[in-house]
């Protein structure tokens, strides 16, 4: 939805703040999924919130980069040991609280698919909860995800210090590993700072101070152009810029002259003075309104000069317009971790896409063929694996609103031709989502022609279902025929890059379901182009009752849609049809004529 950055959505901007308890550390037990090994650790976090770290049984320090953390789960959502012997080891001792509420899991990885788990057990419930909350808040902090150049260099320095050996010395090989682009340049920079440069050498931490580290960086990456700028705006005889000169540099050199001066006024001297006090380490200089070349370099590498202005990271757009006025971050084949012919399906993928800010997920539902008759999610007629429908609903409920309060849209591609299993699906949604599932329409937004959709603000913390809606016509057919025939929506209802933010996502762009059976041939032809989405089962009463503001119907024409003017009807387009409509009717495709 508009108004938030890709990724974590709509979080208020907060500075990184690490609590005293996490800096001091907490005693925990660490266990692994693939073994019965349990050993005690002291879990800590550095003051800047860059890393989790602990010492393993070999007294080696292990680090986990917070930027790799996807989630932190506590209590019933944390991973639990399957091996009874492992559970017995974790339950040993008279600790505070039940084991389930002393467990917490840190989920991390370089992407959504390659996920690992750090499984921990605290000695008290409140400690486990505190660590879970703090890790999650740091991992989803927008400022931390968009750090300045200076912050990244500070992070590298922190890593080197945390990786010091047991004698408190920094292995030079770690410096080479961290700055690996040009070994000769690193060697020269170390020698220029009077530090040992051999790979097997060690540097005492007292010799590798922040000032020495800064000199080391300047030797690795000299910036003569900054000296030239400094001379251009200042005096060649003075080792500083005055507040007037700094103001001139910011307003004349850095500021975009095309900006409106009323909406984006140039900086005033008092604002520039605040910047000088922030970046100039020489307090005497700062008090006089002077900034040295070192302070000037820190300013250029600071957060004010990031690629994205920090104020743009926060929610900054109106979220009170009808839902159809927004592009919606959507996921196709959400359950797949790889290709759609033979890839594995994973419940975890639903958690990951929701945590990443996705607001629409796809559920390809098929009839379960076990004795329990539990519906499953998979890619039909392929070799992809199956996952439990119920477990997916539980995962969605767990992560739906952890990073955004705005509504979740569940796009069902429903192939379950068993009334019993469809009833199970509907019951799972109602039981597991509870009050979060929007089953009753809002009083202000009846399902009438000319009435707009509710806004994202109106639908905060709500889950909406998109599934075929049972029509009056289909109810007159026999049960067997009803479950085998295609409703008219099937020909156009497919998850694609246009769903649900296609021109018509939530807009009146589609023809009624009650159309002549003569259209069946066209529907069959279309379904061949659109894969399994064109072969959905008819909705039972139970599933149909879950559908309200997102009713999929067959696209007829923009003119017909405008005439019907029902904002709760929508259609989806495969890419080829979407491009065809965009070519034939570009204005109608992108405009939003319905309020």
Protein backbone atom coordinates (compact mmCIF):
# COMPACT_ATOMS: atom_id res chain seq x y z
CA UNK A 1 0.00 0.00 0.00
CA UNK A 2 1.18 3.49 -0.67
CA UNK A 3 2.69 5.42 2.15
CA UNK A 4 5.41 3.10 3.38
CA UNK A 5 8.79 1.84 2.27
CA UNK A 6 9.12 -1.57 0.63
CA UNK A 7 9.85 -3.98 3.40
CA UNK A 8 8.73 -3.09 6.90
CA UNK A 9 5.70 -0.85 6.65
CA UNK A 10 4.28 2.03 8.61
CA UNK A 11 6.51 1.86 11.68
CA UNK A 12 7.19 5.05 13.57
CA UNK A 13 10.82 6.09 13.24
CA UNK A 14 12.77 5.39 16.40
CA UNK A 15 16.42 5.70 17.22
CA UNK A 16 18.25 2.48 18.02
CA UNK A 17 18.16 2.02 21.76
CA UNK A 18 19.71 -0.98 23.48
CA UNK A 19 18.62 -1.68 27.05
CA UNK A 20 21.08 -2.11 29.89
CA UNK A 21 20.03 -5.72 30.45
CA UNK A 22 20.87 -6.75 26.89
CA UNK A 23 24.20 -4.89 26.97
CA UNK A 24 25.18 -6.61 30.23
CA UNK A 25 23.99 -9.97 28.95
CA UNK A 26 21.69 -12.75 30.11
CA UNK A 27 22.45 -16.37 30.92
CA UNK A 28 20.65 -18.69 28.49
CA UNK A 29 20.80 -22.20 27.16
CA UNK A 30 21.31 -22.74 23.45
CA UNK A 31 20.09 -25.85 21.65
CA UNK A 32 20.24 -27.09 18.08
CA UNK A 33 17.50 -28.70 15.99
CA UNK A 34 19.73 -31.42 14.60
CA UNK A 35 21.37 -32.63 17.81
CA UNK A 36 20.79 -33.18 21.50
CA UNK A 37 23.52 -30.69 22.39
CA UNK A 38 22.63 -28.08 24.99
CA UNK A 39 25.14 -25.66 26.47
CA UNK A 40 24.95 -22.48 28.53
CA UNK A 41 25.85 -19.14 27.05
CA UNK A 42 25.74 -15.49 28.05
CA UNK A 43 23.83 -13.66 25.33
CA UNK A 44 24.83 -10.03 24.80
CA UNK A 45 24.29 -7.15 22.42
CA UNK A 46 26.70 -4.32 21.64
CA UNK A 47 25.58 -0.82 22.71
CA UNK A 48 24.86 0.25 19.12
CA UNK A 49 22.62 -2.74 18.42
CA UNK A 50 24.69 -4.08 15.53
CA UNK A 51 25.30 -7.63 16.74
CA UNK A 52 24.09 -10.37 19.02
CA UNK A 53 27.07 -12.28 20.37
CA UNK A 54 27.90 -15.12 22.72
CA UNK A 55 30.75 -17.49 23.55
CA UNK A 56 30.50 -21.14 22.51
CA UNK A 57 31.89 -24.18 24.34
CA UNK A 58 35.27 -23.65 22.69
CA UNK A 59 35.34 -20.12 24.13
CA UNK A 60 35.06 -18.69 20.62
CA UNK A 61 32.87 -15.64 20.18
CA UNK A 62 30.00 -16.09 17.75
CA UNK A 63 28.30 -13.10 16.17
CA UNK A 64 24.89 -12.69 14.59
CA UNK A 65 24.42 -9.56 12.51
CA UNK A 66 21.12 -7.93 13.48
CA UNK A 67 20.62 -6.87 9.84
CA UNK A 68 20.18 -10.58 8.98
CA UNK A 69 17.46 -11.12 11.58
CA UNK A 70 13.99 -11.64 10.09
CA UNK A 71 11.98 -12.31 13.23
CA UNK A 72 12.13 -13.04 16.94
CA UNK A 73 9.54 -15.44 18.38
CA UNK A 74 8.62 -16.10 21.98
CA UNK A 75 6.56 -18.61 23.90
CA UNK A 76 4.14 -20.66 21.83
CA UNK A 77 5.56 -19.18 18.60
CA UNK A 78 9.15 -20.19 19.39
CA UNK A 79 10.56 -23.48 18.09
CA UNK A 80 10.34 -26.36 20.53
CA UNK A 81 12.56 -29.46 20.70
CA UNK A 82 11.08 -32.60 19.19
CA UNK A 83 13.52 -34.94 20.90
CA UNK A 84 12.22 -35.85 24.41
CA UNK A 85 15.79 -36.18 25.74
CA UNK A 86 16.60 -32.70 24.57
CA UNK A 87 13.50 -31.35 26.25
CA UNK A 88 14.49 -33.08 29.49
CA UNK A 89 17.86 -31.34 29.42
CA UNK A 90 16.22 -27.95 28.93
CA UNK A 91 13.80 -28.54 31.80
CA UNK A 92 16.54 -29.42 34.30
CA UNK A 93 16.82 -26.91 37.15
CA UNK A 94 14.40 -24.85 39.15
CA UNK A 95 13.94 -21.87 36.87
CA UNK A 96 11.24 -19.21 36.83
CA UNK A 97 8.20 -20.12 34.74
CA UNK A 98 7.19 -22.86 32.34
CA UNK A 99 9.63 -24.00 29.69
CA UNK A 100 7.37 -22.86 26.80
CA UNK A 101 7.48 -19.26 28.01
CA UNK A 102 11.20 -19.26 28.63
CA UNK A 103 11.93 -20.20 25.01
CA UNK A 104 12.65 -17.70 22.26
CA UNK A 105 13.84 -18.15 18.69
CA UNK A 106 15.79 -15.74 16.52
CA UNK A 107 15.06 -16.27 12.81
CA UNK A 108 17.78 -15.05 10.47
CA UNK A 109 19.19 -15.47 6.98
CA UNK A 110 20.40 -13.62 3.88
CA UNK A 111 16.98 -13.92 2.20
CA UNK A 112 13.46 -15.30 2.74
CA UNK A 113 14.32 -18.85 1.69
CA UNK A 114 17.66 -19.61 3.33
CA UNK A 115 16.47 -19.33 6.90
CA UNK A 116 18.25 -20.45 10.07
CA UNK A 117 17.13 -20.52 13.68
CA UNK A 118 18.91 -19.61 16.90
CA UNK A 119 17.05 -21.48 19.63
CA UNK A 120 17.43 -20.17 23.17
CA UNK A 121 15.98 -20.77 26.61
CA UNK A 122 16.19 -18.06 29.26
CA UNK A 123 16.10 -18.74 32.99
CA UNK A 124 13.05 -16.49 33.51
CA UNK A 125 10.00 -15.78 31.36
CA UNK A 126 10.40 -12.01 31.56
CA UNK A 127 14.01 -12.24 30.32
CA UNK A 128 12.94 -14.28 27.29
CA UNK A 129 10.18 -11.78 26.48
CA UNK A 130 12.51 -8.79 26.86
CA UNK A 131 15.11 -10.26 24.52
CA UNK A 132 12.45 -11.20 21.96
CA UNK A 133 10.96 -7.70 21.91
CA UNK A 134 14.30 -5.94 21.75
CA UNK A 135 15.75 -8.10 18.99
CA UNK A 136 12.59 -7.73 16.89
CA UNK A 137 12.47 -3.95 17.39
CA UNK A 138 16.10 -3.59 16.34
CA UNK A 139 15.71 -5.93 13.35
CA UNK A 140 12.70 -3.99 12.01
CA UNK A 141 14.03 -0.51 12.76
CA UNK A 142 13.89 1.55 9.57
CA UNK A 143 16.73 3.83 10.62
CA UNK A 144 18.97 0.84 11.32
CA UNK A 145 18.13 -0.61 7.90
CA UNK A 146 19.11 2.65 6.19
CA UNK A 147 22.29 3.51 8.04
CA UNK A 148 24.71 6.23 6.98
CA UNK A 149 28.21 5.49 5.67
CA UNK A 150 29.64 6.44 9.04
CA UNK A 151 27.36 4.01 10.84
CA UNK A 152 28.45 1.16 8.56
CA UNK A 153 32.11 1.96 9.29
CA UNK A 154 31.33 2.02 13.01
CA UNK A 155 29.66 -1.36 12.60
CA UNK A 156 32.82 -2.77 10.99
CA UNK A 157 34.91 -1.43 13.90
CA UNK A 158 32.50 -2.99 16.41
CA UNK A 159 32.78 -6.34 14.65
CA UNK A 160 36.57 -6.28 14.79
CA UNK A 161 36.54 -5.54 18.52
CA UNK A 162 33.96 -8.25 19.27
CA UNK A 163 36.11 -10.78 17.40
CA UNK A 164 39.15 -10.14 19.58
CA UNK A 165 40.82 -13.28 20.93
CA UNK A 166 40.80 -14.40 24.57
CA UNK A 167 43.75 -12.10 25.33
CA UNK A 168 41.82 -9.13 23.97
CA UNK A 169 43.87 -8.78 20.80
CA UNK A 170 42.48 -8.21 17.32
CA UNK A 171 43.70 -10.74 14.70
CA UNK A 172 45.04 -8.91 11.66
CA UNK A 173 43.55 -11.65 9.45
CA UNK A 174 40.09 -10.40 10.49
CA UNK A 175 40.94 -6.95 9.17
CA UNK A 176 42.04 -8.43 5.85
CA UNK A 177 38.83 -10.47 5.73
CA UNK A 178 36.66 -7.42 6.46
CA UNK A 179 38.40 -5.14 3.93
CA UNK A 180 39.10 -7.78 1.32
CA UNK A 181 38.95 -5.74 -1.90
CA UNK A 182 42.66 -4.80 -2.02
CA UNK A 183 45.02 -6.61 0.34
CA UNK A 184 48.04 -4.49 -0.58
CA UNK A 185 46.17 -1.29 0.23
CA UNK A 186 45.11 -2.69 3.62
CA UNK A 187 48.69 -3.70 4.37
CA UNK A 188 49.97 -0.23 3.46
CA UNK A 189 47.26 1.44 5.57
CA UNK A 190 48.14 -0.67 8.62
CA UNK A 191 51.83 0.16 8.26
CA UNK A 192 51.04 3.87 7.86
CA UNK A 193 49.23 3.74 11.23
CA UNK A 194 52.15 1.96 12.89
CA UNK A 195 50.22 -1.29 13.24
CA UNK A 196 51.42 -4.84 12.50
CA UNK A 197 50.37 -6.03 9.04
CA UNK A 198 51.15 -9.76 8.93
CA UNK A 199 48.16 -12.11 8.64
CA UNK A 200 49.19 -13.98 11.78
CA UNK A 201 49.83 -10.79 13.76
CA UNK A 202 47.68 -9.52 16.61
CA UNK A 203 46.83 -5.91 17.52
CA UNK A 204 46.18 -4.93 21.15
CA UNK A 205 42.78 -3.25 21.42
CA UNK A 206 44.36 -0.27 23.18
CA UNK A 207 46.42 0.36 20.02
CA UNK A 208 43.39 0.21 17.74
CA UNK A 209 41.42 3.17 19.07
CA UNK A 210 38.58 4.87 17.14
CA UNK A 211 41.05 7.60 16.13
CA UNK A 212 43.56 5.07 14.80
CA UNK A 213 40.74 3.26 13.01
CA UNK A 214 39.71 6.54 11.36
CA UNK A 215 43.29 7.14 10.21
CA UNK A 216 43.39 3.58 8.89
CA UNK A 217 40.22 4.22 6.84
CA UNK A 218 41.59 7.50 5.50
CA UNK A 219 44.69 5.65 4.32
CA UNK A 220 42.62 2.93 2.67
CA UNK A 221 40.32 5.44 0.98
CA UNK A 222 41.81 8.94 0.77
CA UNK A 223 39.37 11.70 -0.20
CA UNK A 224 41.36 14.54 -1.82
CA UNK A 225 38.18 15.96 -3.37
CA UNK A 226 36.88 16.83 0.10
CA UNK A 227 40.02 18.85 0.78
CA UNK A 228 39.37 20.72 -2.48
CA UNK A 229 35.77 21.51 -1.51
CA UNK A 230 36.95 22.56 1.93
CA UNK A 231 39.43 24.98 0.40
CA UNK A 232 36.90 26.29 -2.12
CA UNK A 233 34.40 27.36 0.54
CA UNK A 234 36.86 28.28 3.28
CA UNK A 235 40.15 29.96 3.73
CA UNK A 236 43.31 28.15 2.69
CA UNK A 237 45.01 29.47 5.80
CA UNK A 238 42.39 28.35 8.34
CA UNK A 239 41.89 24.68 9.32
CA UNK A 240 38.14 25.13 9.56
CA UNK A 241 34.96 26.44 7.93
CA UNK A 242 32.94 29.08 9.74
CA UNK A 243 29.22 28.69 10.26
CA UNK A 244 28.66 31.22 7.44
CA UNK A 245 30.87 29.25 5.05
CA UNK A 246 29.23 25.98 6.03
CA UNK A 247 25.79 27.52 5.47
CA UNK A 248 26.86 28.71 2.03
CA UNK A 249 28.14 25.23 1.14
CA UNK A 250 24.91 23.50 2.18
CA UNK A 251 22.57 26.00 0.50
CA UNK A 252 24.50 26.67 -2.68
CA UNK A 253 26.34 23.41 -3.30
CA UNK A 254 24.17 20.70 -1.78
CA UNK A 255 20.64 22.05 -2.05
CA UNK A 256 18.69 21.32 -5.25
CA UNK A 257 17.96 24.77 -6.76
CA UNK A 258 14.73 23.44 -8.26
CA UNK A 259 13.14 23.06 -4.83
CA UNK A 260 10.39 25.44 -3.80
CA UNK A 261 11.90 27.80 -1.22
CA UNK A 262 8.64 28.07 0.73
CA UNK A 263 8.08 24.33 1.04
CA UNK A 264 11.80 23.52 1.31
CA UNK A 265 13.50 26.62 2.72
CA UNK A 266 17.31 26.89 2.78
CA UNK A 267 18.95 26.12 6.09
CA UNK A 268 19.45 28.96 8.55
CA UNK A 269 22.62 29.61 10.50
CA UNK A 270 21.19 28.24 13.75
CA UNK A 271 20.35 24.96 11.99
CA UNK A 272 23.85 24.72 10.56
CA UNK A 273 25.29 25.44 14.00
CA UNK A 274 23.42 22.41 15.32
CA UNK A 275 25.02 20.30 12.58
CA UNK A 276 28.47 21.62 13.51
CA UNK A 277 27.90 20.73 17.15
CA UNK A 278 26.76 17.27 16.11
CA UNK A 279 29.76 16.40 13.92
CA UNK A 280 32.68 18.50 15.21
CA UNK A 281 34.64 16.62 17.89
CA UNK A 282 36.74 19.68 18.83
CA UNK A 283 34.50 21.38 21.39
CA UNK A 284 36.41 24.66 21.11
CA UNK A 285 35.85 24.77 17.36
CA UNK A 286 32.18 23.85 17.73
CA UNK A 287 31.54 26.54 20.35
CA UNK A 288 32.92 29.17 17.95
CA UNK A 289 30.85 27.88 15.02
CA UNK A 290 33.85 26.29 13.30
CA UNK A 291 34.05 22.84 11.72
CA UNK A 292 37.31 21.08 10.89
CA UNK A 293 37.92 19.00 7.80
CA UNK A 294 37.46 15.86 9.92
CA UNK A 295 34.10 17.14 11.18
CA UNK A 296 33.19 18.13 7.63
CA UNK A 297 33.92 14.57 6.44
CA UNK A 298 31.80 13.15 9.26
CA UNK A 299 28.94 15.41 8.20
CA UNK A 300 29.19 14.25 4.58
CA UNK A 301 29.12 10.62 5.76
CA UNK A 302 26.32 11.23 8.26
CA UNK A 303 22.61 10.56 8.17
CA UNK A 304 21.74 13.98 6.69
CA UNK A 305 23.48 12.89 3.48
CA UNK A 306 21.95 9.44 3.07
CA UNK A 307 20.45 8.27 -0.23
CA UNK A 308 16.96 8.35 1.30
CA UNK A 309 15.97 11.25 3.57
CA UNK A 310 15.03 9.82 6.94
CA UNK A 311 11.71 11.60 7.02
CA UNK A 312 10.75 9.63 3.89
CA UNK A 313 11.28 6.32 5.66
CA UNK A 314 8.31 6.88 7.91
CA UNK A 315 4.67 6.69 6.90
CA UNK A 316 4.14 9.99 5.13
CA UNK A 317 1.10 9.59 2.90
CA UNK A 318 -2.66 9.69 3.42
CA UNK A 319 -4.03 6.25 4.25
CA UNK A 320 -7.67 7.33 4.50
CA UNK A 321 -8.58 6.94 0.81
CA UNK A 322 -10.62 3.96 -0.51
CA UNK A 323 -8.62 0.75 -0.67
CA UNK A 324 -8.80 0.74 -4.47
CA UNK A 325 -6.71 3.94 -4.59
CA UNK A 326 -3.55 2.17 -3.49
CA UNK A 327 -0.97 -0.10 -5.02
CA UNK A 328 -0.70 -3.14 -2.77
CA UNK A 329 2.47 -5.11 -2.11
CA UNK A 330 1.39 -8.58 -3.29
CA UNK A 331 2.88 -12.06 -3.39
CA UNK A 332 2.32 -14.71 -6.05
CA UNK A 333 2.75 -18.42 -5.27
CA UNK A 334 3.61 -17.32 -1.75
CA UNK A 335 4.19 -20.85 -0.49
CA UNK A 336 6.99 -21.72 -2.95
CA UNK A 337 10.68 -21.50 -2.07
CA UNK A 338 11.81 -22.26 -5.64
CA UNK A 339 10.40 -23.01 -9.09
CA UNK A 340 6.72 -23.72 -9.57
CA UNK A 341 7.28 -27.09 -11.24
CA UNK A 342 9.30 -28.95 -8.63
CA UNK A 343 10.05 -26.47 -5.85
CA UNK A 344 9.38 -27.05 -2.18
CA UNK A 345 6.43 -25.43 -0.46
CA UNK A 346 6.98 -23.90 2.96
CA UNK A 347 4.72 -22.52 5.68
CA UNK A 348 7.60 -20.25 6.71
CA UNK A 349 7.30 -18.33 3.44
CA UNK A 350 3.98 -16.84 4.60
CA UNK A 351 5.67 -15.53 7.72
CA UNK A 352 8.58 -14.11 5.79
CA UNK A 353 6.58 -12.22 3.15
CA UNK A 354 4.28 -10.72 5.79
CA UNK A 355 7.22 -9.64 7.93
CA UNK A 356 8.75 -8.06 4.83
CA UNK A 357 5.66 -5.87 4.38
CA UNK A 358 3.55 -7.84 1.90
CA UNK A 359 -0.18 -7.18 2.35
CA UNK A 360 -1.64 -9.72 -0.11
CA UNK A 361 -0.72 -13.40 -0.14
CA UNK A 362 -1.88 -16.24 -2.35
CA UNK A 363 -3.22 -19.58 -1.13
CA UNK A 364 -3.54 -22.31 -3.78
CA UNK A 365 -5.87 -24.73 -2.01
CA UNK A 366 -6.41 -28.37 -2.97
CA UNK A 367 -8.28 -31.29 -1.51
CA UNK A 368 -6.31 -33.33 1.00
CA UNK A 369 -6.33 -37.05 0.22
CA UNK A 370 -5.37 -38.42 3.61
CA UNK A 371 -7.81 -40.11 5.97
CA UNK A 372 -8.09 -36.88 7.96
CA UNK A 373 -9.28 -35.03 4.83
CA UNK A 374 -7.23 -31.93 5.66
CA UNK A 375 -7.01 -29.37 2.82
CA UNK A 376 -3.52 -28.60 1.56
CA UNK A 377 -1.70 -25.83 -0.28
CA UNK A 378 0.43 -26.66 -3.31
CA UNK A 379 0.85 -25.87 -6.99
CA UNK A 380 -1.56 -28.18 -8.76
CA UNK A 381 -0.48 -30.79 -11.33
CA UNK A 382 3.21 -30.29 -10.56
CA UNK A 383 5.84 -31.96 -8.40
CA UNK A 384 5.84 -29.21 -5.79
CA UNK A 385 5.38 -30.40 -2.21
CA UNK A 386 2.22 -29.95 -0.13
CA UNK A 387 1.80 -28.02 3.11
CA UNK A 388 -1.06 -27.94 5.58
CA UNK A 389 -3.74 -25.31 5.00
CA UNK A 390 -4.34 -25.05 8.75
CA UNK A 391 -0.63 -24.43 9.48
CA UNK A 392 -0.57 -21.67 6.86
CA UNK A 393 -3.56 -19.95 8.47
CA UNK A 394 -1.80 -20.19 11.85
CA UNK A 395 1.38 -18.66 10.37
CA UNK A 396 -0.59 -15.79 8.82
CA UNK A 397 -2.35 -15.11 12.12
CA UNK A 398 1.01 -15.05 13.90
CA UNK A 399 2.75 -12.55 11.61
CA UNK A 400 -0.05 -10.61 9.91
CA UNK A 401 0.38 -7.37 11.83
CA UNK A 402 3.85 -7.60 13.36
CA UNK A 403 5.30 -5.00 10.99
CA UNK A 404 2.20 -3.21 9.71
CA UNK A 405 -1.29 -2.52 11.05
CA UNK A 406 -2.86 -2.31 7.60
CA UNK A 407 -5.20 -5.01 6.24
CA UNK A 408 -4.15 -8.40 4.92
CA UNK A 409 -5.80 -9.73 1.76
CA UNK A 410 -5.96 -13.50 1.35
CA UNK A 411 -6.22 -14.39 -2.33
CA UNK A 412 -7.65 -17.91 -2.50
CA UNK A 413 -7.20 -20.01 -5.61
CA UNK A 414 -9.63 -22.62 -4.39
CA UNK A 415 -9.59 -26.05 -6.06
CA UNK A 416 -11.11 -27.92 -3.12
CA UNK A 417 -14.10 -29.73 -4.63
CA UNK A 418 -15.11 -31.24 -1.29
CA UNK A 419 -17.86 -29.36 0.61
CA UNK A 420 -16.60 -30.93 3.83
CA UNK A 421 -13.05 -29.65 3.32
CA UNK A 422 -14.22 -26.20 2.23
CA UNK A 423 -16.23 -26.05 5.44
CA UNK A 424 -13.03 -26.92 7.34
CA UNK A 425 -11.18 -24.12 5.56
CA UNK A 426 -13.83 -21.59 6.52
CA UNK A 427 -13.90 -22.82 10.12
CA UNK A 428 -10.10 -22.62 10.44
CA UNK A 429 -10.18 -19.02 9.20
CA UNK A 430 -12.86 -18.05 11.71
CA UNK A 431 -11.33 -19.88 14.66
CA UNK A 432 -7.69 -18.92 14.12
CA UNK A 433 -8.15 -15.33 12.92
CA UNK A 434 -10.97 -14.64 15.39
CA UNK A 435 -12.05 -10.99 15.45
CA UNK A 436 -9.31 -10.17 12.94
CA UNK A 437 -11.30 -11.81 10.12
CA UNK A 438 -13.68 -9.32 8.53
CA UNK A 439 -16.88 -11.29 8.00
CA UNK A 440 -19.44 -8.49 8.45
CA UNK A 441 -19.41 -5.43 6.22
CA UNK A 442 -18.81 -2.06 7.84
CA UNK A 443 -21.92 0.02 8.43
CA UNK A 444 -20.52 3.01 6.55
CA UNK A 445 -19.60 0.90 3.52
CA UNK A 446 -22.52 -1.29 2.35
CA UNK A 447 -22.09 -3.47 -0.72
CA UNK A 448 -24.08 -1.13 -2.96
CA UNK A 449 -23.37 0.47 -6.30
CA UNK A 450 -21.63 3.81 -6.00
CA UNK A 451 -20.32 3.17 -2.46
CA UNK A 452 -16.50 3.31 -2.18
CA UNK A 453 -14.39 0.73 -0.45
CA UNK A 454 -13.22 1.27 3.13
CA UNK A 455 -9.78 2.78 3.49
CA UNK A 456 -6.66 1.07 4.88
CA UNK A 457 -7.26 3.10 8.04
CA UNK A 458 -10.81 1.72 8.32
CA UNK A 459 -9.48 -1.81 7.87
CA UNK A 460 -6.52 -1.73 10.24
CA UNK A 461 -5.77 -5.12 11.83
CA UNK A 462 -8.36 -6.82 9.60
CA UNK A 463 -8.00 -9.85 7.32
CA UNK A 464 -10.10 -9.95 4.14
CA UNK A 465 -10.79 -13.00 2.00
CA UNK A 466 -10.88 -13.03 -1.78
CA UNK A 467 -12.59 -16.21 -2.96
CA UNK A 468 -15.28 -17.02 -5.48
CA UNK A 469 -18.65 -15.91 -4.17
CA UNK A 470 -21.63 -18.24 -4.39
CA UNK A 471 -24.21 -16.82 -6.78
CA UNK A 472 -27.97 -17.36 -6.85
CA UNK A 473 -27.66 -19.12 -10.17
CA UNK A 474 -25.18 -21.68 -8.93
CA UNK A 475 -27.35 -22.46 -5.91
CA UNK A 476 -30.04 -23.86 -8.20
CA UNK A 477 -27.72 -26.44 -9.70
CA UNK A 478 -27.15 -29.89 -8.34
CA UNK A 479 -24.34 -30.26 -5.83
CA UNK A 480 -22.24 -32.42 -8.14
CA UNK A 481 -22.57 -30.09 -11.09
CA UNK A 482 -22.01 -27.05 -8.92
CA UNK A 483 -18.64 -28.35 -7.72
CA UNK A 484 -17.40 -29.28 -11.18
CA UNK A 485 -18.48 -26.32 -13.28
CA UNK A 486 -16.64 -23.07 -13.56
CA UNK A 487 -18.14 -19.85 -12.37
CA UNK A 488 -17.46 -16.98 -14.69
CA UNK A 489 -14.89 -15.51 -12.39
CA UNK A 490 -12.48 -18.36 -13.02
CA UNK A 491 -11.54 -17.23 -16.49
CA UNK A 492 -9.94 -14.06 -15.22
CA UNK A 493 -9.09 -14.88 -11.61
CA UNK A 494 -5.37 -15.59 -11.45
CA UNK A 495 -2.63 -14.29 -9.22
CA UNK A 496 -0.19 -12.14 -11.15
CA UNK A 497 1.80 -8.97 -10.82
CA UNK A 498 -1.49 -7.12 -11.29
CA UNK A 499 -3.24 -8.71 -8.33
CA UNK A 500 -4.81 -7.11 -6.41
CA UNK A 501 -3.49 -3.71 -7.46
CA UNK A 502 -4.61 -4.08 -11.08
CA UNK A 503 -6.85 -1.36 -12.43
CA UNK A 504 -9.85 -2.85 -10.82
CA UNK A 505 -8.40 -4.09 -7.57
CA UNK A 506 -11.41 -3.29 -5.52
CA UNK A 507 -12.92 -1.23 -8.34
CA UNK A 508 -16.04 -1.64 -10.44
CA UNK A 509 -14.49 -2.99 -13.61
CA UNK A 510 -16.15 -6.33 -14.07
CA UNK A 511 -19.27 -7.94 -15.33
CA UNK A 512 -21.68 -9.84 -13.11
CA UNK A 513 -21.28 -13.52 -12.42
CA UNK A 514 -24.81 -14.14 -13.64
CA UNK A 515 -24.00 -14.50 -17.29
CA UNK A 516 -25.14 -16.89 -19.99
CA UNK A 517 -23.71 -20.38 -20.24
CA UNK A 518 -22.69 -19.48 -23.79
CA UNK A 519 -19.61 -17.87 -22.30
CA UNK A 520 -18.33 -21.24 -21.07
CA UNK A 521 -16.25 -21.85 -24.21
CA UNK A 522 -14.52 -18.50 -23.83
CA UNK A 523 -13.92 -19.26 -20.18
CA UNK A 524 -12.38 -22.65 -20.95
CA UNK A 525 -10.10 -21.13 -23.57
CA UNK A 526 -9.01 -18.46 -21.15
CA UNK A 527 -8.40 -20.94 -18.37
CA UNK A 528 -5.98 -22.83 -20.62
CA UNK A 529 -3.92 -19.65 -20.85
CA UNK A 530 -4.12 -18.99 -17.14
CA UNK A 531 -3.16 -22.37 -15.72
CA UNK A 532 -4.90 -23.91 -12.73
CA UNK A 533 -6.50 -20.60 -11.72
CA UNK A 534 -9.07 -21.20 -14.44
CA UNK A 535 -10.20 -24.49 -12.86
CA UNK A 536 -11.36 -23.42 -9.44
CA UNK A 537 -14.13 -25.20 -7.57
CA UNK A 538 -17.40 -23.41 -6.91
CA UNK A 539 -17.64 -21.83 -3.50
CA UNK A 540 -19.65 -23.49 -0.78
CA UNK A 541 -21.90 -21.48 1.51
CA UNK A 542 -19.30 -21.48 4.29
CA UNK A 543 -16.46 -20.08 2.14
CA UNK A 544 -18.75 -17.68 0.33
CA UNK A 545 -19.82 -16.13 3.62
CA UNK A 546 -16.23 -15.04 4.26
CA UNK A 547 -16.14 -12.89 1.12
CA UNK A 548 -17.28 -9.27 1.16
CA UNK A 549 -15.17 -6.36 -0.10
CA UNK A 550 -13.07 -8.38 -2.57
CA UNK A 551 -15.39 -10.31 -4.85
CA UNK A 552 -13.65 -11.70 -7.96
CA UNK A 553 -15.70 -11.53 -11.16
CA UNK A 554 -15.01 -11.86 -14.85
CA UNK A 555 -13.72 -8.77 -16.62
CA UNK A 556 -16.03 -7.63 -19.40
CA UNK A 557 -14.98 -4.10 -20.30
CA UNK A 558 -14.14 -0.82 -18.65
CA UNK A 559 -17.43 0.60 -19.89
CA UNK A 560 -19.44 -2.22 -18.32
CA UNK A 561 -17.53 -1.86 -15.07
CA UNK A 562 -18.17 1.86 -14.92
CA UNK A 563 -21.85 1.27 -15.55
CA UNK A 564 -22.10 -1.28 -12.73
CA UNK A 565 -20.07 0.96 -10.41
CA UNK A 566 -19.56 -1.70 -7.73
CA UNK A 567 -16.29 -1.04 -5.97
CA UNK A 568 -16.26 -4.40 -4.19
CA UNK A 569 -15.95 -6.32 -7.47
CA UNK A 570 -12.52 -7.01 -8.91
CA UNK A 571 -10.78 -9.00 -11.59
CA UNK A 572 -7.23 -10.16 -12.09
CA UNK A 573 -5.19 -10.18 -15.27
CA UNK A 574 -2.39 -12.40 -16.44
CA UNK A 575 0.49 -10.29 -17.71
CA UNK A 576 -0.39 -10.73 -21.38
CA UNK A 577 -3.99 -9.60 -20.89
CA UNK A 578 -2.90 -6.78 -18.65
CA UNK A 579 -0.52 -5.46 -21.31
CA UNK A 580 -3.20 -5.89 -23.96
CA UNK A 581 -5.65 -3.76 -21.98
CA UNK A 582 -2.94 -1.22 -21.19
CA UNK A 583 -2.23 -0.87 -24.90
CA UNK A 584 -5.88 -0.62 -25.98
CA UNK A 585 -7.21 1.51 -23.11
CA UNK A 586 -4.28 3.14 -21.30
CA UNK A 587 -6.29 5.94 -19.65
CA UNK A 588 -9.05 3.67 -18.42
CA UNK A 589 -6.50 1.16 -17.21
CA UNK A 590 -4.67 3.53 -14.88
CA UNK A 591 -7.32 6.02 -13.85
CA UNK A 592 -9.52 5.50 -10.81
CA UNK A 593 -12.96 6.95 -11.61
CA UNK A 594 -14.69 5.42 -8.63
CA UNK A 595 -14.77 6.95 -5.19
